Amino acid sequence: MALSQNFQNRFVELADELDEKSKSKRAKIIGISNTTYSNAYNYGIIPKTSSLMRIADYFNISIEYLIANTDDEHFEKSLHPTHFKNRLAELQKENGISTVYELSQILHIHRNNIAQWNKLDCIPLIDDIIIIADHFKVSIDYLLGRTDDRTAYN
């Protein structure tokens, strides 16, 4: 479980903009569990990627902004969101990476994890997403199919 004071500060800032004062109602409005909300709000625990996506979707912000990798609030949501595994396959093909083993060696991520993402339609944890996005020089949100803008944030 990753902790981030910067993420916590950003999440608190966003959550406190909601009219609703009840934390459980805020969690429901955003589309996350009470536990996820409380852990993020009180302790800066970064939730699973799927929860980060729900939070970012609710506030119409990039995940990069949410986790405080950038202060750039601009985000252009894709009209036709794409699944992570499709974006990863596209990036692999563009870069001439043909096997899970080869990708595993390049990214230093275990091949079983990569195979599981493809087979089970799983979304990796944010730490792995950051590694992949950095390697392919794309934004986290592009990799996750939330935007069609490839530009990595600085």
N, C-alpha and C. Protein backbone atom coordinates (compact mmCIF):
# COMPACT_ATOMS: atom_id res chain seq x y z
N MET A 1 0.85 -1.17 0.00
CA MET A 1 0.00 0.00 0.00
C MET A 1 0.90 1.24 0.00
N ALA A 2 0.73 2.05 -1.02
CA ALA A 2 1.55 3.25 -1.18
C ALA A 2 0.91 4.43 -0.46
N LEU A 3 1.74 5.20 0.19
CA LEU A 3 1.30 6.41 0.88
C LEU A 3 1.88 7.61 0.16
N SER A 4 1.10 8.68 0.07
CA SER A 4 1.60 9.90 -0.54
C SER A 4 0.92 11.11 0.09
N GLN A 5 1.72 11.94 0.70
CA GLN A 5 1.20 13.18 1.28
C GLN A 5 0.67 14.10 0.18
N ASN A 6 1.37 14.12 -0.96
CA ASN A 6 0.93 14.97 -2.08
C ASN A 6 -0.42 14.50 -2.62
N PHE A 7 -0.58 13.18 -2.76
CA PHE A 7 -1.87 12.64 -3.19
C PHE A 7 -2.95 13.00 -2.17
N GLN A 8 -2.65 12.81 -0.89
CA GLN A 8 -3.62 13.11 0.16
C GLN A 8 -4.05 14.57 0.09
N ASN A 9 -3.09 15.47 -0.04
CA ASN A 9 -3.42 16.90 -0.11
C ASN A 9 -4.33 17.20 -1.30
N ARG A 10 -4.01 16.61 -2.45
CA ARG A 10 -4.81 16.84 -3.65
C ARG A 10 -6.21 16.26 -3.47
N PHE A 11 -6.30 15.05 -2.92
CA PHE A 11 -7.59 14.40 -2.72
C PHE A 11 -8.45 15.20 -1.74
N VAL A 12 -7.87 15.63 -0.64
CA VAL A 12 -8.61 16.42 0.36
C VAL A 12 -9.13 17.71 -0.27
N GLU A 13 -8.28 18.36 -1.06
CA GLU A 13 -8.67 19.60 -1.73
C GLU A 13 -9.88 19.37 -2.64
N LEU A 14 -9.84 18.30 -3.42
CA LEU A 14 -10.95 17.99 -4.33
C LEU A 14 -12.20 17.58 -3.56
N ALA A 15 -12.04 16.71 -2.59
CA ALA A 15 -13.19 16.20 -1.83
C ALA A 15 -13.88 17.32 -1.04
N ASP A 16 -13.09 18.24 -0.54
CA ASP A 16 -13.67 19.33 0.25
C ASP A 16 -14.44 20.34 -0.60
N GLU A 17 -14.30 20.25 -1.93
CA GLU A 17 -15.09 21.09 -2.83
C GLU A 17 -16.52 20.60 -2.97
N LEU A 18 -16.76 19.35 -2.59
CA LEU A 18 -18.11 18.79 -2.68
C LEU A 18 -19.02 19.45 -1.66
N ASP A 19 -20.27 19.67 -2.04
CA ASP A 19 -21.23 20.29 -1.14
C ASP A 19 -21.56 19.39 0.04
N GLU A 20 -21.54 18.11 -0.20
CA GLU A 20 -21.89 17.12 0.83
C GLU A 20 -20.80 17.09 1.91
N LYS A 21 -21.21 17.14 3.17
CA LYS A 21 -20.25 17.11 4.29
C LYS A 21 -19.98 15.70 4.80
N SER A 22 -20.92 14.80 4.63
CA SER A 22 -20.77 13.43 5.10
C SER A 22 -19.76 12.69 4.23
N LYS A 23 -18.74 12.13 4.87
CA LYS A 23 -17.71 11.42 4.11
C LYS A 23 -18.28 10.19 3.41
N SER A 24 -19.21 9.51 4.03
CA SER A 24 -19.78 8.32 3.39
C SER A 24 -20.60 8.72 2.16
N LYS A 25 -21.29 9.85 2.22
CA LYS A 25 -22.04 10.32 1.06
C LYS A 25 -21.10 10.82 -0.02
N ARG A 26 -19.99 11.45 0.38
CA ARG A 26 -18.99 11.88 -0.60
C ARG A 26 -18.44 10.67 -1.35
N ALA A 27 -18.12 9.62 -0.61
CA ALA A 27 -17.59 8.40 -1.22
C ALA A 27 -18.58 7.84 -2.24
N LYS A 28 -19.85 7.81 -1.86
CA LYS A 28 -20.89 7.29 -2.75
C LYS A 28 -21.02 8.15 -4.00
N ILE A 29 -20.98 9.46 -3.83
CA ILE A 29 -21.07 10.39 -4.97
C ILE A 29 -19.92 10.16 -5.95
N ILE A 30 -18.72 9.99 -5.40
CA ILE A 30 -17.52 9.80 -6.23
C ILE A 30 -17.52 8.41 -6.87
N GLY A 31 -18.11 7.44 -6.19
CA GLY A 31 -18.19 6.08 -6.73
C GLY A 31 -17.12 5.15 -6.18
N ILE A 32 -16.67 5.44 -4.95
CA ILE A 32 -15.68 4.59 -4.29
C ILE A 32 -16.22 4.15 -2.94
N SER A 33 -15.57 3.16 -2.35
CA SER A 33 -16.02 2.66 -1.05
C SER A 33 -15.67 3.65 0.06
N ASN A 34 -16.38 3.53 1.17
CA ASN A 34 -16.08 4.37 2.34
C ASN A 34 -14.65 4.16 2.81
N THR A 35 -14.20 2.91 2.79
CA THR A 35 -12.84 2.59 3.23
C THR A 35 -11.81 3.25 2.33
N THR A 36 -12.02 3.17 1.03
CA THR A 36 -11.10 3.80 0.08
C THR A 36 -11.06 5.31 0.30
N TYR A 37 -12.24 5.89 0.47
CA TYR A 37 -12.33 7.33 0.72
C TYR A 37 -11.58 7.70 2.00
N SER A 38 -11.87 7.01 3.08
CA SER A 38 -11.25 7.33 4.37
C SER A 38 -9.74 7.14 4.32
N ASN A 39 -9.28 6.05 3.70
CA ASN A 39 -7.84 5.80 3.61
C ASN A 39 -7.13 6.90 2.82
N ALA A 40 -7.75 7.34 1.74
CA ALA A 40 -7.16 8.41 0.93
C ALA A 40 -7.21 9.74 1.67
N TYR A 41 -8.35 10.04 2.24
CA TYR A 41 -8.56 11.34 2.89
C TYR A 41 -7.74 11.48 4.17
N ASN A 42 -7.75 10.45 4.99
CA ASN A 42 -7.12 10.54 6.31
C ASN A 42 -5.63 10.18 6.32
N TYR A 43 -5.23 9.28 5.43
CA TYR A 43 -3.86 8.74 5.51
C TYR A 43 -3.04 8.89 4.24
N GLY A 44 -3.65 9.30 3.15
CA GLY A 44 -2.92 9.44 1.89
C GLY A 44 -2.59 8.11 1.25
N ILE A 45 -3.38 7.08 1.54
CA ILE A 45 -3.17 5.77 0.93
C ILE A 45 -3.71 5.82 -0.50
N ILE A 46 -2.84 5.55 -1.46
CA ILE A 46 -3.25 5.58 -2.86
C ILE A 46 -4.04 4.31 -3.15
N PRO A 47 -5.27 4.47 -3.63
CA PRO A 47 -6.11 3.28 -3.88
C PRO A 47 -5.72 2.54 -5.15
N LYS A 48 -6.39 1.43 -5.39
CA LYS A 48 -6.20 0.67 -6.62
C LYS A 48 -6.46 1.59 -7.82
N THR A 49 -5.88 1.21 -8.92
CA THR A 49 -5.98 2.03 -10.14
C THR A 49 -7.43 2.23 -10.55
N SER A 50 -8.26 1.22 -10.41
CA SER A 50 -9.67 1.36 -10.80
C SER A 50 -10.36 2.44 -9.96
N SER A 51 -10.03 2.54 -8.70
CA SER A 51 -10.60 3.60 -7.84
C SER A 51 -10.04 4.96 -8.22
N LEU A 52 -8.75 5.02 -8.54
CA LEU A 52 -8.16 6.28 -9.01
C LEU A 52 -8.89 6.76 -10.26
N MET A 53 -9.20 5.82 -11.14
CA MET A 53 -9.91 6.18 -12.37
C MET A 53 -11.30 6.73 -12.07
N ARG A 54 -12.01 6.13 -11.13
CA ARG A 54 -13.35 6.62 -10.76
C ARG A 54 -13.26 8.02 -10.17
N ILE A 55 -12.28 8.25 -9.31
CA ILE A 55 -12.10 9.57 -8.70
C ILE A 55 -11.79 10.60 -9.79
N ALA A 56 -10.83 10.27 -10.64
CA ALA A 56 -10.43 11.19 -11.72
C ALA A 56 -11.60 11.44 -12.67
N ASP A 57 -12.37 10.41 -12.98
CA ASP A 57 -13.54 10.58 -13.85
C ASP A 57 -14.56 11.51 -13.21
N TYR A 58 -14.82 11.32 -11.93
CA TYR A 58 -15.80 12.16 -11.25
C TYR A 58 -15.40 13.64 -11.31
N PHE A 59 -14.13 13.92 -11.04
CA PHE A 59 -13.67 15.31 -11.01
C PHE A 59 -13.20 15.81 -12.38
N ASN A 60 -13.25 14.94 -13.40
CA ASN A 60 -12.81 15.26 -14.76
C ASN A 60 -11.38 15.82 -14.76
N ILE A 61 -10.49 15.05 -14.14
CA ILE A 61 -9.08 15.42 -14.06
C ILE A 61 -8.24 14.23 -14.50
N SER A 62 -6.99 14.50 -14.75
CA SER A 62 -6.08 13.40 -15.09
C SER A 62 -5.66 12.68 -13.82
N ILE A 63 -5.28 11.45 -13.97
CA ILE A 63 -4.74 10.71 -12.84
C ILE A 63 -3.41 11.32 -12.42
N GLU A 64 -2.66 11.81 -13.39
CA GLU A 64 -1.38 12.48 -13.09
C GLU A 64 -1.62 13.65 -12.13
N TYR A 65 -2.69 14.41 -12.37
CA TYR A 65 -3.03 15.52 -11.49
C TYR A 65 -3.48 15.00 -10.13
N LEU A 66 -4.30 13.98 -10.13
CA LEU A 66 -4.82 13.42 -8.88
C LEU A 66 -3.70 12.92 -7.97
N ILE A 67 -2.72 12.24 -8.54
CA ILE A 67 -1.63 11.71 -7.70
C ILE A 67 -0.51 12.73 -7.52
N ALA A 68 -0.76 13.95 -8.00
CA ALA A 68 0.15 15.09 -7.82
C ALA A 68 1.48 14.92 -8.55
N ASN A 69 1.44 14.27 -9.71
CA ASN A 69 2.62 14.20 -10.58
C ASN A 69 2.73 15.46 -11.42
N THR A 70 1.64 16.23 -11.49
CA THR A 70 1.61 17.48 -12.23
C THR A 70 0.64 18.43 -11.56
N ASP A 71 0.84 19.71 -11.82
CA ASP A 71 -0.11 20.73 -11.36
C ASP A 71 -0.97 21.22 -12.52
N ASP A 72 -0.78 20.62 -13.69
CA ASP A 72 -1.54 20.96 -14.88
C ASP A 72 -2.92 20.30 -14.77
N GLU A 73 -3.94 21.13 -14.63
CA GLU A 73 -5.30 20.61 -14.46
C GLU A 73 -5.97 20.21 -15.77
N HIS A 74 -5.38 20.60 -16.90
CA HIS A 74 -6.01 20.32 -18.20
C HIS A 74 -6.14 18.81 -18.42
N PHE A 75 -7.33 18.41 -18.83
CA PHE A 75 -7.58 17.00 -19.15
C PHE A 75 -8.65 16.93 -20.21
N GLU A 76 -8.37 16.20 -21.26
CA GLU A 76 -9.32 16.01 -22.34
C GLU A 76 -9.72 14.55 -22.41
N LYS A 77 -10.90 14.26 -21.92
CA LYS A 77 -11.39 12.88 -21.87
C LYS A 77 -11.67 12.35 -23.27
N SER A 78 -11.32 11.10 -23.50
CA SER A 78 -11.56 10.46 -24.78
C SER A 78 -13.05 10.25 -25.00
N LEU A 79 -13.49 10.47 -26.24
CA LEU A 79 -14.88 10.18 -26.59
C LEU A 79 -15.11 8.69 -26.72
N HIS A 80 -14.02 7.95 -26.97
CA HIS A 80 -14.09 6.51 -27.13
C HIS A 80 -13.00 5.86 -26.27
N PRO A 81 -13.25 5.77 -24.95
CA PRO A 81 -12.22 5.19 -24.07
C PRO A 81 -11.80 3.79 -24.54
N THR A 82 -10.54 3.49 -24.32
CA THR A 82 -9.94 2.23 -24.73
C THR A 82 -9.48 1.49 -23.48
N HIS A 83 -9.53 0.18 -23.51
CA HIS A 83 -9.10 -0.61 -22.37
C HIS A 83 -7.57 -0.63 -22.29
N PHE A 84 -7.05 -0.70 -21.09
CA PHE A 84 -5.61 -0.73 -20.85
C PHE A 84 -4.90 -1.78 -21.70
N LYS A 85 -5.42 -3.00 -21.73
CA LYS A 85 -4.70 -4.07 -22.45
C LYS A 85 -4.58 -3.76 -23.93
N ASN A 86 -5.57 -3.07 -24.50
CA ASN A 86 -5.50 -2.69 -25.91
C ASN A 86 -4.44 -1.61 -26.15
N ARG A 87 -4.38 -0.63 -25.23
CA ARG A 87 -3.36 0.41 -25.35
C ARG A 87 -1.96 -0.19 -25.20
N LEU A 88 -1.81 -1.09 -24.26
CA LEU A 88 -0.50 -1.72 -24.05
C LEU A 88 -0.10 -2.51 -25.29
N ALA A 89 -1.03 -3.26 -25.86
CA ALA A 89 -0.74 -4.04 -27.07
C ALA A 89 -0.35 -3.12 -28.22
N GLU A 90 -1.04 -2.01 -28.35
CA GLU A 90 -0.74 -1.03 -29.40
C GLU A 90 0.67 -0.46 -29.23
N LEU A 91 1.02 -0.11 -28.01
CA LEU A 91 2.36 0.44 -27.73
C LEU A 91 3.45 -0.60 -27.96
N GLN A 92 3.16 -1.84 -27.57
CA GLN A 92 4.12 -2.93 -27.81
C GLN A 92 4.37 -3.08 -29.31
N LYS A 93 3.29 -3.11 -30.08
CA LYS A 93 3.41 -3.30 -31.53
C LYS A 93 4.21 -2.15 -32.16
N GLU A 94 3.89 -0.92 -31.76
CA GLU A 94 4.60 0.25 -32.28
C GLU A 94 6.10 0.19 -31.99
N ASN A 95 6.44 -0.44 -30.88
CA ASN A 95 7.83 -0.49 -30.44
C ASN A 95 8.51 -1.82 -30.74
N GLY A 96 7.84 -2.68 -31.52
CA GLY A 96 8.43 -3.94 -31.93
C GLY A 96 8.66 -4.93 -30.81
N ILE A 97 7.81 -4.87 -29.78
CA ILE A 97 7.90 -5.79 -28.65
C ILE A 97 6.83 -6.85 -28.86
N SER A 98 7.26 -8.08 -29.14
CA SER A 98 6.29 -9.08 -29.57
C SER A 98 5.88 -10.08 -28.49
N THR A 99 6.64 -10.21 -27.42
CA THR A 99 6.29 -11.22 -26.42
C THR A 99 6.17 -10.62 -25.03
N VAL A 100 5.43 -11.32 -24.19
CA VAL A 100 5.31 -10.94 -22.78
C VAL A 100 6.68 -10.98 -22.12
N TYR A 101 7.46 -12.00 -22.46
CA TYR A 101 8.80 -12.13 -21.88
C TYR A 101 9.66 -10.92 -22.22
N GLU A 102 9.63 -10.50 -23.47
CA GLU A 102 10.43 -9.35 -23.90
C GLU A 102 9.98 -8.08 -23.15
N LEU A 103 8.68 -7.86 -23.06
CA LEU A 103 8.16 -6.70 -22.33
C LEU A 103 8.56 -6.77 -20.87
N SER A 104 8.48 -7.94 -20.30
CA SER A 104 8.88 -8.16 -18.91
C SER A 104 10.34 -7.77 -18.66
N GLN A 105 11.20 -8.16 -19.59
CA GLN A 105 12.63 -7.85 -19.46
C GLN A 105 12.88 -6.35 -19.59
N ILE A 106 12.17 -5.70 -20.46
CA ILE A 106 12.34 -4.26 -20.67
C ILE A 106 11.85 -3.46 -19.47
N LEU A 107 10.68 -3.84 -18.95
CA LEU A 107 10.05 -3.07 -17.87
C LEU A 107 10.50 -3.48 -16.47
N HIS A 108 11.12 -4.65 -16.37
CA HIS A 108 11.49 -5.22 -15.06
C HIS A 108 10.24 -5.47 -14.20
N ILE A 109 9.22 -5.98 -14.88
CA ILE A 109 7.98 -6.38 -14.22
C ILE A 109 7.80 -7.86 -14.55
N HIS A 110 7.44 -8.64 -13.55
CA HIS A 110 7.35 -10.09 -13.74
C HIS A 110 6.38 -10.44 -14.87
N ARG A 111 6.78 -11.37 -15.71
CA ARG A 111 5.96 -11.76 -16.87
C ARG A 111 4.60 -12.31 -16.47
N ASN A 112 4.49 -12.93 -15.30
CA ASN A 112 3.19 -13.43 -14.85
C ASN A 112 2.20 -12.28 -14.61
N ASN A 113 2.72 -11.17 -14.11
CA ASN A 113 1.84 -10.00 -13.91
C ASN A 113 1.32 -9.50 -15.25
N ILE A 114 2.22 -9.37 -16.22
CA ILE A 114 1.84 -8.89 -17.55
C ILE A 114 0.85 -9.85 -18.20
N ALA A 115 1.10 -11.14 -18.10
CA ALA A 115 0.19 -12.14 -18.68
C ALA A 115 -1.18 -12.05 -18.02
N GLN A 116 -1.20 -11.82 -16.72
CA GLN A 116 -2.47 -11.71 -16.00
C GLN A 116 -3.26 -10.49 -16.47
N TRP A 117 -2.57 -9.37 -16.71
CA TRP A 117 -3.27 -8.17 -17.20
C TRP A 117 -3.95 -8.47 -18.52
N ASN A 118 -3.28 -9.22 -19.37
CA ASN A 118 -3.84 -9.54 -20.69
C ASN A 118 -4.95 -10.58 -20.60
N LYS A 119 -4.72 -11.60 -19.81
CA LYS A 119 -5.66 -12.72 -19.75
C LYS A 119 -6.94 -12.37 -18.99
N LEU A 120 -6.79 -11.70 -17.86
CA LEU A 120 -7.93 -11.44 -16.99
C LEU A 120 -8.51 -10.04 -17.10
N ASP A 121 -7.99 -9.26 -18.05
CA ASP A 121 -8.43 -7.87 -18.17
C ASP A 121 -8.22 -7.08 -16.88
N CYS A 122 -7.14 -7.38 -16.19
CA CYS A 122 -6.81 -6.67 -14.96
C CYS A 122 -6.09 -5.37 -15.29
N ILE A 123 -6.23 -4.41 -14.42
CA ILE A 123 -5.49 -3.16 -14.54
C ILE A 123 -4.40 -3.18 -13.48
N PRO A 124 -3.16 -2.91 -13.87
CA PRO A 124 -2.06 -2.96 -12.90
C PRO A 124 -2.20 -1.90 -11.81
N LEU A 125 -1.44 -2.10 -10.75
CA LEU A 125 -1.35 -1.09 -9.70
C LEU A 125 -0.67 0.14 -10.28
N ILE A 126 -0.91 1.28 -9.66
CA ILE A 126 -0.41 2.54 -10.19
C ILE A 126 1.11 2.56 -10.32
N ASP A 127 1.83 1.87 -9.44
CA ASP A 127 3.29 1.84 -9.54
C ASP A 127 3.74 1.23 -10.87
N ASP A 128 3.10 0.14 -11.28
CA ASP A 128 3.43 -0.48 -12.56
C ASP A 128 2.97 0.38 -13.73
N ILE A 129 1.83 1.01 -13.60
CA ILE A 129 1.32 1.90 -14.65
C ILE A 129 2.33 3.02 -14.90
N ILE A 130 2.87 3.58 -13.84
CA ILE A 130 3.85 4.67 -13.97
C ILE A 130 5.09 4.18 -14.70
N ILE A 131 5.57 2.99 -14.37
CA ILE A 131 6.74 2.42 -15.04
C ILE A 131 6.47 2.25 -16.53
N ILE A 132 5.31 1.72 -16.87
CA ILE A 132 4.96 1.47 -18.28
C ILE A 132 4.82 2.79 -19.03
N ALA A 133 4.10 3.75 -18.45
CA ALA A 133 3.90 5.05 -19.10
C ALA A 133 5.24 5.75 -19.31
N ASP A 134 6.11 5.70 -18.31
CA ASP A 134 7.44 6.32 -18.45
C ASP A 134 8.23 5.66 -19.57
N HIS A 135 8.19 4.34 -19.63
CA HIS A 135 8.95 3.64 -20.67
C HIS A 135 8.48 4.03 -22.07
N PHE A 136 7.17 4.08 -22.28
CA PHE A 136 6.64 4.38 -23.60
C PHE A 136 6.48 5.89 -23.84
N LYS A 137 6.81 6.69 -22.82
CA LYS A 137 6.75 8.15 -22.92
C LYS A 137 5.35 8.65 -23.29
N VAL A 138 4.38 8.10 -22.56
CA VAL A 138 2.98 8.52 -22.71
C VAL A 138 2.44 8.86 -21.33
N SER A 139 1.30 9.51 -21.30
CA SER A 139 0.68 9.82 -20.01
C SER A 139 0.01 8.57 -19.43
N ILE A 140 -0.15 8.57 -18.14
CA ILE A 140 -0.87 7.49 -17.46
C ILE A 140 -2.28 7.36 -18.03
N ASP A 141 -2.92 8.49 -18.25
CA ASP A 141 -4.29 8.48 -18.74
C ASP A 141 -4.40 7.95 -20.17
N TYR A 142 -3.39 8.20 -20.98
CA TYR A 142 -3.38 7.61 -22.33
C TYR A 142 -3.25 6.10 -22.21
N LEU A 143 -2.33 5.66 -21.40
CA LEU A 143 -2.11 4.23 -21.21
C LEU A 143 -3.38 3.53 -20.71
N LEU A 144 -4.11 4.19 -19.85
CA LEU A 144 -5.34 3.61 -19.30
C LEU A 144 -6.54 3.82 -20.23
N GLY A 145 -6.34 4.49 -21.35
CA GLY A 145 -7.41 4.68 -22.32
C GLY A 145 -8.39 5.78 -21.96
N ARG A 146 -8.05 6.64 -21.01
CA ARG A 146 -8.95 7.71 -20.58
C ARG A 146 -8.88 8.92 -21.50
N THR A 147 -7.78 9.06 -22.23
CA THR A 147 -7.60 10.17 -23.16
C THR A 147 -6.91 9.66 -24.41
N ASP A 148 -7.02 10.44 -25.47
CA ASP A 148 -6.32 10.08 -26.71
C ASP A 148 -5.05 10.91 -26.88
N ASP A 149 -4.79 11.78 -25.92
CA ASP A 149 -3.59 12.61 -25.92
C ASP A 149 -2.44 11.82 -25.30
N ARG A 150 -1.45 11.53 -26.12
CA ARG A 150 -0.30 10.73 -25.67
C ARG A 150 0.67 11.51 -24.79
N THR A 151 0.61 12.82 -24.84
CA THR A 151 1.60 13.67 -24.21
C THR A 151 1.78 13.35 -22.73
N ALA A 152 3.01 13.02 -22.39
CA ALA A 152 3.34 12.76 -20.99
C ALA A 152 3.42 14.09 -20.25
N TYR A 153 2.97 14.09 -19.01
CA TYR A 153 3.06 15.30 -18.20
C TYR A 153 4.48 15.49 -17.70
N ASN A 154 4.83 16.74 -17.49
CA ASN A 154 6.16 17.06 -16.92
C ASN A 154 6.04 17.55 -15.51
